[in-house]
Amino acid sequence: MTLTSTTALEHLSPAWSHLTTMQPERGEGIYLYEADGTRWIDFTSGIGVTNTGHCHPRVVKAIQDQAAKLIHGQINIVIPPSTLKLAETLATVTPPGLDCFFFSNSGAEATEGAVKLARMATKRPNIITFQGSFHGRTAQTMAMTNSKTVYRSKYQPLPAGVFVAPYPYAYHYGWDEARTVEFCLHELEYLLKTQTAPDETAAIIIEPELGEGGYVPAPASFMQALRDLCTQHGILLVADEVQTGFGRTGKMWGFEHSGITPDVIIMAKGIGSGMPISAVASTKAIMANWPPGSHGGTYGGAALATATAVATVETIRDEGLAANADRMGERLRDGLVELQGRYPVIGDVRGHGLMVGTEFMRGGKPDKDLTKAVQKGCIDRRLLLLTCGTYENVIRWIPPLVVNESQIDEALTVFEESLQVALN
């Protein structure tokens, strides 16, 4: 029996929300196409996944070639050559010494792995995360997620040993950056005195730029202070680069904007151009604390996914996509700041590279309704944009890193048209 689109949708779990019911037949670069040829501009990148653009020829060829040779070789039984190649390739783009990798399937899975590694390596039980963070939807990562209650509501009790510190979100506090950093560091020190002592704290885990929490970059001074604090107390500093990694912020890694090196990197999304793959990176010395059998998974390091990831990383590196993200991000931010000058409901424009947030405020309060109206206007004009933030009043700009100047300008035009309609 042939199912109609409406009937088929009834077979999908309602746990999934749907930005649209559009069913793309194919994708190319920043565009998605319906069967009738209708074109959509995708400035979501599948939530930060298709950094190389949809169906980049180099990535497609890697998938086709690998699928014809070997799809799955379980890494505890055999070692797929593409898995070794990925480890070697990643070692060329990670900081010196962070050249030992464990492969998984998703960002949440890699985050759980990083927590397990930190606890095993330090022999300490607790971890610290930050307000506004999003680390996943599994039980452990729900306990670490604080961007919205919907991600954890009615799932308590969640795993213990997770403590939450303020994130340096200056616009939220209404302070300048220096005062915000000072306050947040003071509160973190207070947390270490009152809730989890340094000698029972395994790791501090931070997104260098909040994702779901509102696209808020952590100031360099804050990241540098975290590095010093962790070094002082033997706490592992873990950078959750699931959304910020692989050129998204205009550098290969978000933490590079602060000039620091973490002890552990969590990576996913942009690593595989759509294939389910993630990784934990650390030093060989830290990884040596993970004895055989203490962590694992059936599909981690699978041949097809790792071959795709090799092609993805090489494409980002060889085609200078991080540098393009930096240039196009500057053009995007400049355009948004110009609009902010004419539309004061845009309270803040922020972000690095092509990870940019526009926060809407009216009457001194977050304006979710206006944000959703602008988003809907963009969708009506076939521009896909996502929202984020605790109050759902931030539109996030996250186009593929292959985007060019004319495409940025076209999206800004659609955005302004939608904003004008929403305000009238």
Protein backbone atom coordinates (compact mmCIF):
# COMPACT_ATOMS: atom_id res chain seq x y z
CA MET A 1 0.00 0.00 0.00
CA THR A 2 1.32 3.47 -0.87
CA LEU A 3 1.06 5.84 2.07
CA THR A 4 0.07 9.46 1.55
CA SER A 5 2.27 12.05 3.23
CA THR A 6 -0.41 12.73 5.86
CA THR A 7 -0.87 9.06 6.62
CA ALA A 8 2.87 8.45 6.79
CA LEU A 9 3.36 11.27 9.30
CA GLU A 10 0.93 9.53 11.66
CA HIS A 11 3.47 6.73 11.97
CA LEU A 12 6.16 9.06 13.37
CA SER A 13 6.44 9.52 17.11
CA PRO A 14 5.01 12.83 18.39
CA ALA A 15 8.22 13.25 20.39
CA TRP A 16 9.62 14.87 17.26
CA SER A 17 8.65 18.46 16.62
CA HIS A 18 8.65 19.59 12.99
CA LEU A 19 9.75 23.02 11.82
CA THR A 20 8.08 22.27 8.48
CA THR A 21 6.46 19.30 6.76
CA MET A 22 8.57 19.91 3.67
CA GLN A 23 10.03 16.65 2.33
CA PRO A 24 13.23 17.38 0.42
CA GLU A 25 14.10 15.09 -2.44
CA ARG A 26 17.70 16.29 -2.65
CA GLY A 27 20.15 18.85 -1.31
CA GLU A 28 23.02 20.80 -2.81
CA GLY A 29 25.21 23.33 -1.03
CA ILE A 30 22.99 25.58 1.08
CA TYR A 31 19.81 24.47 -0.73
CA LEU A 32 17.15 21.80 -0.28
CA TYR A 33 14.81 20.88 -3.16
CA GLU A 34 11.35 19.38 -3.12
CA ALA A 35 10.31 16.84 -5.75
CA ASP A 36 8.69 19.56 -7.86
CA GLY A 37 11.90 21.60 -7.86
CA THR A 38 10.86 24.13 -5.19
CA ARG A 39 14.05 25.45 -3.61
CA TRP A 40 14.62 26.25 0.05
CA ILE A 41 17.56 28.08 1.63
CA ASP A 42 18.79 25.97 4.53
CA PHE A 43 20.38 28.15 7.19
CA THR A 44 20.02 25.40 9.79
CA SER A 45 22.58 22.95 8.37
CA GLY A 46 20.51 20.17 9.94
CA ILE A 47 21.33 21.79 13.32
CA GLY A 48 24.99 22.41 12.59
CA VAL A 49 25.71 19.15 10.80
CA THR A 50 26.18 19.88 7.09
CA ASN A 51 29.15 22.21 7.47
CA THR A 52 30.42 21.10 4.04
CA GLY A 53 26.99 21.83 2.53
CA HIS A 54 24.45 19.30 1.38
CA CYS A 55 25.92 16.45 -0.66
CA HIS A 56 29.39 17.87 -1.17
CA PRO A 57 30.83 15.88 -4.12
CA ARG A 58 33.94 14.86 -2.19
CA VAL A 59 31.85 13.56 0.70
CA VAL A 60 29.40 11.77 -1.60
CA LYS A 61 32.25 10.01 -3.40
CA ALA A 62 33.76 8.87 -0.10
CA ILE A 63 30.42 7.37 0.93
CA GLN A 64 29.94 5.63 -2.41
CA ASP A 65 33.47 4.25 -2.51
CA GLN A 66 33.39 2.98 1.06
CA ALA A 67 29.90 1.46 0.75
CA ALA A 68 31.13 -0.64 -2.15
CA LYS A 69 34.02 -1.99 -0.08
CA LEU A 70 33.01 -2.31 3.59
CA ILE A 71 30.04 -0.88 5.47
CA HIS A 72 30.61 -2.27 8.95
CA GLY A 73 33.57 -3.82 10.66
CA GLN A 74 33.11 -3.89 14.44
CA ILE A 75 36.16 -2.27 15.97
CA ASN A 76 36.56 -4.81 18.80
CA ILE A 77 36.77 -7.55 16.18
CA VAL A 78 38.55 -5.91 13.23
CA ILE A 79 39.97 -2.44 12.64
CA PRO A 80 38.59 -0.72 9.54
CA PRO A 81 41.34 1.18 7.67
CA SER A 82 39.05 4.23 7.45
CA THR A 83 38.91 4.36 11.25
CA LEU A 84 42.68 4.50 11.49
CA LYS A 85 42.71 7.11 8.74
CA LEU A 86 40.21 9.25 10.63
CA ALA A 87 42.30 9.14 13.81
CA GLU A 88 45.36 10.24 11.82
CA THR A 89 43.39 12.98 10.07
CA LEU A 90 41.88 14.36 13.26
CA ALA A 91 45.33 14.47 14.84
CA THR A 92 46.29 17.05 12.20
CA VAL A 93 43.55 19.46 13.30
CA THR A 94 43.51 18.97 17.09
CA PRO A 95 46.02 20.66 19.43
CA PRO A 96 49.38 18.89 19.83
CA GLY A 97 49.04 16.02 22.26
CA LEU A 98 45.26 15.71 22.00
CA ASP A 99 45.73 12.93 19.49
CA CYS A 100 43.97 9.92 20.98
CA PHE A 101 40.33 9.31 19.97
CA PHE A 102 37.30 7.26 20.93
CA PHE A 103 34.52 7.14 18.33
CA SER A 104 30.79 7.03 19.02
CA ASN A 105 27.55 7.82 17.19
CA SER A 106 26.13 11.06 18.61
CA GLY A 107 27.00 14.12 20.60
CA ALA A 108 25.19 12.87 23.69
CA GLU A 109 27.03 9.56 23.48
CA ALA A 110 30.38 11.31 23.19
CA THR A 111 29.50 13.55 26.13
CA GLU A 112 28.70 10.52 28.27
CA GLY A 113 32.00 9.05 27.18
CA ALA A 114 33.85 12.20 28.22
CA VAL A 115 32.19 12.10 31.65
CA LYS A 116 33.16 8.45 32.09
CA LEU A 117 36.71 9.19 30.99
CA ALA A 118 37.03 12.13 33.38
CA ARG A 119 35.76 10.12 36.32
CA MET A 120 38.03 7.20 35.50
CA ALA A 121 41.10 9.39 34.95
CA THR A 122 40.73 11.56 38.07
CA LYS A 123 39.07 9.00 40.38
CA ARG A 124 36.62 11.78 41.29
CA PRO A 125 32.80 11.63 41.01
CA ASN A 126 31.48 15.12 40.27
CA ILE A 127 31.26 17.37 37.23
CA ILE A 128 30.40 21.04 36.75
CA THR A 129 28.36 22.39 33.86
CA PHE A 130 26.92 25.84 33.17
CA GLN A 131 23.53 27.52 33.06
CA GLY A 132 22.11 27.56 29.55
CA SER A 133 24.06 24.49 28.50
CA PHE A 134 22.80 21.74 26.25
CA HIS A 135 24.69 18.45 26.25
CA GLY A 136 22.10 15.92 25.10
CA ARG A 137 18.94 13.98 25.92
CA THR A 138 20.18 10.74 27.45
CA ALA A 139 19.83 10.42 31.22
CA GLN A 140 23.39 11.55 31.99
CA THR A 141 23.35 14.42 29.50
CA MET A 142 19.86 15.54 30.57
CA ALA A 143 21.30 15.96 34.06
CA MET A 144 23.94 18.24 32.51
CA THR A 145 21.51 20.26 30.35
CA ASN A 146 20.10 23.54 31.65
CA SER A 147 18.96 25.48 28.59
CA LYS A 148 15.25 24.63 28.93
CA THR A 149 13.18 22.60 31.35
CA VAL A 150 11.43 20.76 28.50
CA TYR A 151 14.54 18.65 27.94
CA ARG A 152 14.41 17.19 31.44
CA SER A 153 10.86 17.78 32.72
CA LYS A 154 9.18 14.67 34.20
CA TYR A 155 12.35 12.57 33.83
CA GLN A 156 13.64 13.10 37.37
CA PRO A 157 15.44 11.70 39.20
CA LEU A 158 18.43 12.17 36.94
CA PRO A 159 22.01 11.01 37.59
CA ALA A 160 23.66 12.73 40.53
CA GLY A 161 27.03 14.43 40.79
CA VAL A 162 26.24 17.31 38.42
CA PHE A 163 26.64 20.89 39.66
CA VAL A 164 25.72 24.04 37.75
CA ALA A 165 27.59 27.35 37.62
CA PRO A 166 26.54 30.66 35.97
CA TYR A 167 27.58 31.12 32.33
CA PRO A 168 29.05 34.55 31.40
CA TYR A 169 26.02 35.73 29.40
CA ALA A 170 26.55 39.48 29.69
CA TYR A 171 23.43 40.55 27.77
CA HIS A 172 21.24 38.43 30.06
CA TYR A 173 22.69 40.03 33.17
CA GLY A 174 22.69 43.52 31.69
CA TRP A 175 26.36 44.03 32.60
CA ASP A 176 29.50 44.60 30.61
CA GLU A 177 31.74 41.64 29.86
CA ALA A 178 34.30 42.34 32.58
CA ARG A 179 31.72 42.54 35.37
CA THR A 180 29.95 39.43 34.09
CA VAL A 181 33.16 37.40 34.00
CA GLU A 182 34.10 38.56 37.49
CA PHE A 183 30.70 37.57 38.85
CA CYS A 184 30.66 34.16 37.19
CA LEU A 185 34.17 33.30 38.36
CA HIS A 186 33.27 34.38 41.89
CA GLU A 187 30.21 32.12 41.84
CA LEU A 188 32.23 29.21 40.46
CA GLU A 189 34.77 29.56 43.27
CA TYR A 190 31.85 29.72 45.72
CA LEU A 191 30.40 26.53 44.21
CA LEU A 192 33.76 24.79 44.76
CA LYS A 193 33.62 25.88 48.41
CA THR A 194 29.97 24.96 49.07
CA GLN A 195 28.81 22.13 46.78
CA THR A 196 31.63 20.12 45.19
CA ALA A 197 35.17 20.43 46.50
CA PRO A 198 37.98 20.50 43.96
CA ASP A 199 39.28 17.11 45.10
CA GLU A 200 35.90 15.53 44.30
CA THR A 201 35.42 17.36 40.99
CA ALA A 202 36.45 15.38 37.92
CA ALA A 203 35.70 17.88 35.17
CA ILE A 204 34.34 21.26 34.19
CA ILE A 205 32.46 20.92 30.90
CA ILE A 206 31.69 24.00 28.82
CA GLU A 207 30.41 24.92 25.38
CA PRO A 208 32.79 27.63 24.08
CA GLU A 209 29.65 29.18 22.61
CA LEU A 210 26.28 28.21 24.05
CA GLY A 211 24.17 26.39 21.49
CA GLU A 212 20.58 25.79 22.58
CA GLY A 213 21.17 28.30 25.35
CA GLY A 214 21.22 31.25 22.97
CA TYR A 215 24.39 31.33 20.85
CA VAL A 216 26.46 33.10 23.48
CA PRO A 217 30.27 33.00 23.14
CA ALA A 218 32.22 32.60 26.36
CA PRO A 219 34.61 35.56 26.78
CA ALA A 220 38.27 34.68 26.28
CA SER A 221 39.12 35.87 29.79
CA PHE A 222 36.59 33.46 31.27
CA MET A 223 37.91 30.49 29.31
CA GLN A 224 41.46 31.39 30.30
CA ALA A 225 40.47 31.60 33.97
CA LEU A 226 38.77 28.19 33.71
CA ARG A 227 41.95 26.75 32.25
CA ASP A 228 44.00 28.13 35.13
CA LEU A 229 41.49 26.94 37.73
CA CYS A 230 41.37 23.42 36.33
CA THR A 231 45.15 23.20 36.13
CA GLN A 232 45.47 24.41 39.72
CA HIS A 233 43.09 21.78 41.09
CA GLY A 234 43.75 18.83 38.78
CA ILE A 235 40.26 19.13 37.26
CA LEU A 236 39.88 18.20 33.61
CA LEU A 237 38.67 21.00 31.34
CA VAL A 238 36.31 19.54 28.74
CA ALA A 239 35.29 21.55 25.67
CA ASP A 240 31.93 20.49 24.25
CA GLU A 241 32.58 21.30 20.59
CA VAL A 242 29.58 19.36 19.28
CA GLN A 243 28.11 22.49 17.68
CA THR A 244 31.14 24.80 17.66
CA GLY A 245 33.61 22.39 16.06
CA PHE A 246 34.85 21.84 12.52
CA GLY A 247 35.08 25.43 11.36
CA ARG A 248 31.69 26.61 12.54
CA THR A 249 33.02 29.59 14.54
CA GLY A 250 35.59 30.68 11.96
CA LYS A 251 38.28 28.52 13.55
CA MET A 252 38.48 24.75 13.59
CA TRP A 253 37.53 24.76 17.30
CA GLY A 254 35.59 27.24 19.38
CA PHE A 255 38.12 27.17 22.22
CA GLU A 256 40.77 28.58 19.86
CA HIS A 257 39.17 32.02 20.19
CA SER A 258 40.44 32.04 23.78
CA GLY A 259 43.94 30.76 23.07
CA ILE A 260 43.56 27.85 25.51
CA THR A 261 43.84 24.09 25.17
CA PRO A 262 41.32 21.84 26.97
CA ASP A 263 42.12 18.39 28.33
CA VAL A 264 39.27 16.72 26.46
CA ILE A 265 37.32 17.67 23.32
CA ILE A 266 33.83 16.39 22.55
CA MET A 267 33.01 16.47 18.84
CA ALA A 268 30.05 15.43 16.67
CA LYS A 269 27.62 17.13 14.22
CA GLY A 270 30.00 18.73 11.69
CA ILE A 271 32.45 15.82 11.77
CA GLY A 272 30.42 13.62 9.43
CA SER A 273 28.33 15.78 7.06
CA GLY A 274 25.22 13.85 8.13
CA MET A 275 26.58 10.42 8.98
CA PRO A 276 26.06 9.49 12.65
CA ILE A 277 29.50 9.81 14.19
CA SER A 278 31.09 11.54 17.17
CA ALA A 279 34.36 11.41 19.03
CA VAL A 280 36.12 12.11 22.29
CA ALA A 281 39.67 13.42 21.95
CA SER A 282 42.27 13.59 24.70
CA THR A 283 45.89 12.87 25.44
CA LYS A 284 47.29 9.36 25.40
CA ALA A 285 48.10 9.76 29.10
CA ILE A 286 44.49 10.56 30.02
CA MET A 287 43.08 7.88 27.71
CA ALA A 288 45.42 5.33 29.35
CA ASN A 289 43.14 5.47 32.40
CA TRP A 290 40.36 3.83 30.33
CA PRO A 291 41.04 0.09 30.56
CA PRO A 292 39.72 -2.27 27.83
CA GLY A 293 36.01 -2.95 28.24
CA SER A 294 35.32 0.06 30.46
CA HIS A 295 33.63 1.82 27.56
CA GLY A 296 32.46 0.74 24.13
CA GLY A 297 29.67 0.42 21.59
CA THR A 298 28.71 -1.65 18.58
CA TYR A 299 28.88 1.07 15.92
CA GLY A 300 31.61 3.40 17.19
CA GLY A 301 34.28 3.77 14.54
CA ALA A 302 32.17 2.07 11.86
CA ALA A 303 33.77 2.04 8.41
CA LEU A 304 31.17 4.00 6.46
CA ALA A 305 30.90 6.79 9.03
CA THR A 306 34.65 7.15 9.53
CA ALA A 307 35.33 7.26 5.78
CA THR A 308 32.76 10.03 5.50
CA ALA A 309 34.33 11.90 8.39
CA VAL A 310 37.78 11.70 6.78
CA ALA A 311 36.39 13.30 3.61
CA THR A 312 34.55 15.91 5.68
CA VAL A 313 37.59 16.99 7.70
CA GLU A 314 39.80 17.04 4.60
CA THR A 315 37.24 19.14 2.74
CA ILE A 316 36.93 21.66 5.57
CA ARG A 317 40.70 21.87 5.80
CA ASP A 318 41.60 21.85 2.09
CA GLU A 319 38.84 24.23 0.95
CA GLY A 320 39.43 26.74 3.75
CA LEU A 321 35.87 26.52 5.02
CA ALA A 322 36.75 27.82 8.49
CA ALA A 323 38.23 30.94 6.92
CA ASN A 324 35.13 31.30 4.74
CA ALA A 325 32.98 31.00 7.85
CA ASP A 326 34.98 33.81 9.42
CA ARG A 327 34.53 36.09 6.38
CA MET A 328 30.87 35.28 5.79
CA GLY A 329 30.15 35.51 9.51
CA GLU A 330 31.55 39.02 9.57
CA ARG A 331 29.33 39.96 6.61
CA LEU A 332 26.31 38.40 8.33
CA ARG A 333 26.95 40.15 11.64
CA ASP A 334 27.54 43.49 9.91
CA GLY A 335 24.22 43.12 8.12
CA LEU A 336 22.41 42.21 11.31
CA VAL A 337 23.98 45.08 13.26
CA GLU A 338 22.84 47.45 10.52
CA LEU A 339 19.30 46.09 10.88
CA GLN A 340 19.59 46.39 14.67
CA GLY A 341 20.18 50.12 14.22
CA ARG A 342 16.85 50.43 12.40
CA TYR A 343 14.87 47.83 14.37
CA PRO A 344 15.62 48.20 18.10
CA VAL A 345 13.62 45.03 18.86
CA ILE A 346 16.86 43.28 17.90
CA GLY A 347 18.43 43.62 21.31
CA ASP A 348 21.69 41.80 20.66
CA VAL A 349 23.73 40.40 17.78
CA ARG A 350 26.53 38.03 18.79
CA GLY A 351 28.58 35.02 17.87
CA HIS A 352 31.73 33.88 16.10
CA GLY A 353 31.94 32.84 12.45
CA LEU A 354 28.73 31.32 11.16
CA MET A 355 27.30 30.69 14.62
CA VAL A 356 25.39 33.92 15.13
CA GLY A 357 22.44 34.77 17.36
CA THR A 358 19.95 37.65 17.16
CA GLU A 359 18.05 38.19 20.39
CA PHE A 360 14.64 39.89 20.32
CA MET A 361 13.48 42.09 23.19
CA ARG A 362 10.48 44.41 23.65
CA GLY A 363 9.74 46.44 26.72
CA GLY A 364 12.88 45.10 28.37
CA LYS A 365 11.61 41.53 28.18
CA PRO A 366 12.40 38.57 25.91
CA ASP A 367 9.92 38.47 23.01
CA LYS A 368 9.26 34.88 22.01
CA ASP A 369 6.16 35.74 19.99
CA LEU A 370 7.99 38.20 17.75
CA THR A 371 10.86 35.74 17.32
CA LYS A 372 8.51 32.99 16.21
CA ALA A 373 6.66 35.38 13.90
CA VAL A 374 9.91 36.38 12.20
CA GLN A 375 10.93 32.76 11.91
CA LYS A 376 7.57 31.88 10.37
CA GLY A 377 7.89 34.75 7.91
CA CYS A 378 11.25 33.41 6.83
CA ILE A 379 9.85 29.91 6.42
CA ASP A 380 6.97 31.30 4.37
CA ARG A 381 9.66 32.76 2.09
CA ARG A 382 11.49 29.40 2.06
CA LEU A 383 14.37 30.40 4.34
CA LEU A 384 14.91 27.85 7.11
CA LEU A 385 16.07 29.35 10.40
CA LEU A 386 15.99 27.93 13.94
CA THR A 387 15.36 29.60 17.28
CA CYS A 388 17.11 28.96 20.57
CA GLY A 389 17.56 30.42 24.03
CA THR A 390 15.89 29.72 27.33
CA TYR A 391 13.09 32.16 26.46
CA GLU A 392 13.03 31.06 22.78
CA ASN A 393 13.67 34.65 21.73
CA VAL A 394 16.89 34.11 19.76
CA ILE A 395 17.11 33.33 16.06
CA ARG A 396 20.23 31.38 15.32
CA TRP A 397 22.09 31.67 12.06
CA ILE A 398 23.92 28.48 11.20
CA PRO A 399 24.30 28.13 7.42
CA PRO A 400 26.64 25.65 5.74
CA LEU A 401 30.21 26.89 5.68
CA VAL A 402 30.19 26.95 1.87
CA VAL A 403 27.77 29.91 1.85
CA ASN A 404 28.79 32.92 -0.26
CA GLU A 405 28.22 36.69 -0.09
CA SER A 406 25.16 36.82 -2.34
CA GLN A 407 23.50 34.03 -0.36
CA ILE A 408 24.16 35.85 2.92
CA ASP A 409 22.69 39.02 1.45
CA GLU A 410 19.62 37.19 0.14
CA ALA A 411 18.97 35.70 3.57
CA LEU A 412 19.31 39.11 5.22
CA THR A 413 16.79 40.55 2.78
CA VAL A 414 14.29 37.80 3.56
CA PHE A 415 14.91 38.27 7.27
CA GLU A 416 14.19 42.01 7.09
CA GLU A 417 11.04 41.46 5.02
CA SER A 418 9.82 38.96 7.60
CA LEU A 419 10.66 41.30 10.47
CA GLN A 420 8.75 44.15 8.86
CA VAL A 421 5.66 41.97 8.43
CA ALA A 422 5.92 40.68 12.00
CA LEU A 423 6.06 44.22 13.37
CA ASN A 424 3.04 45.47 11.40
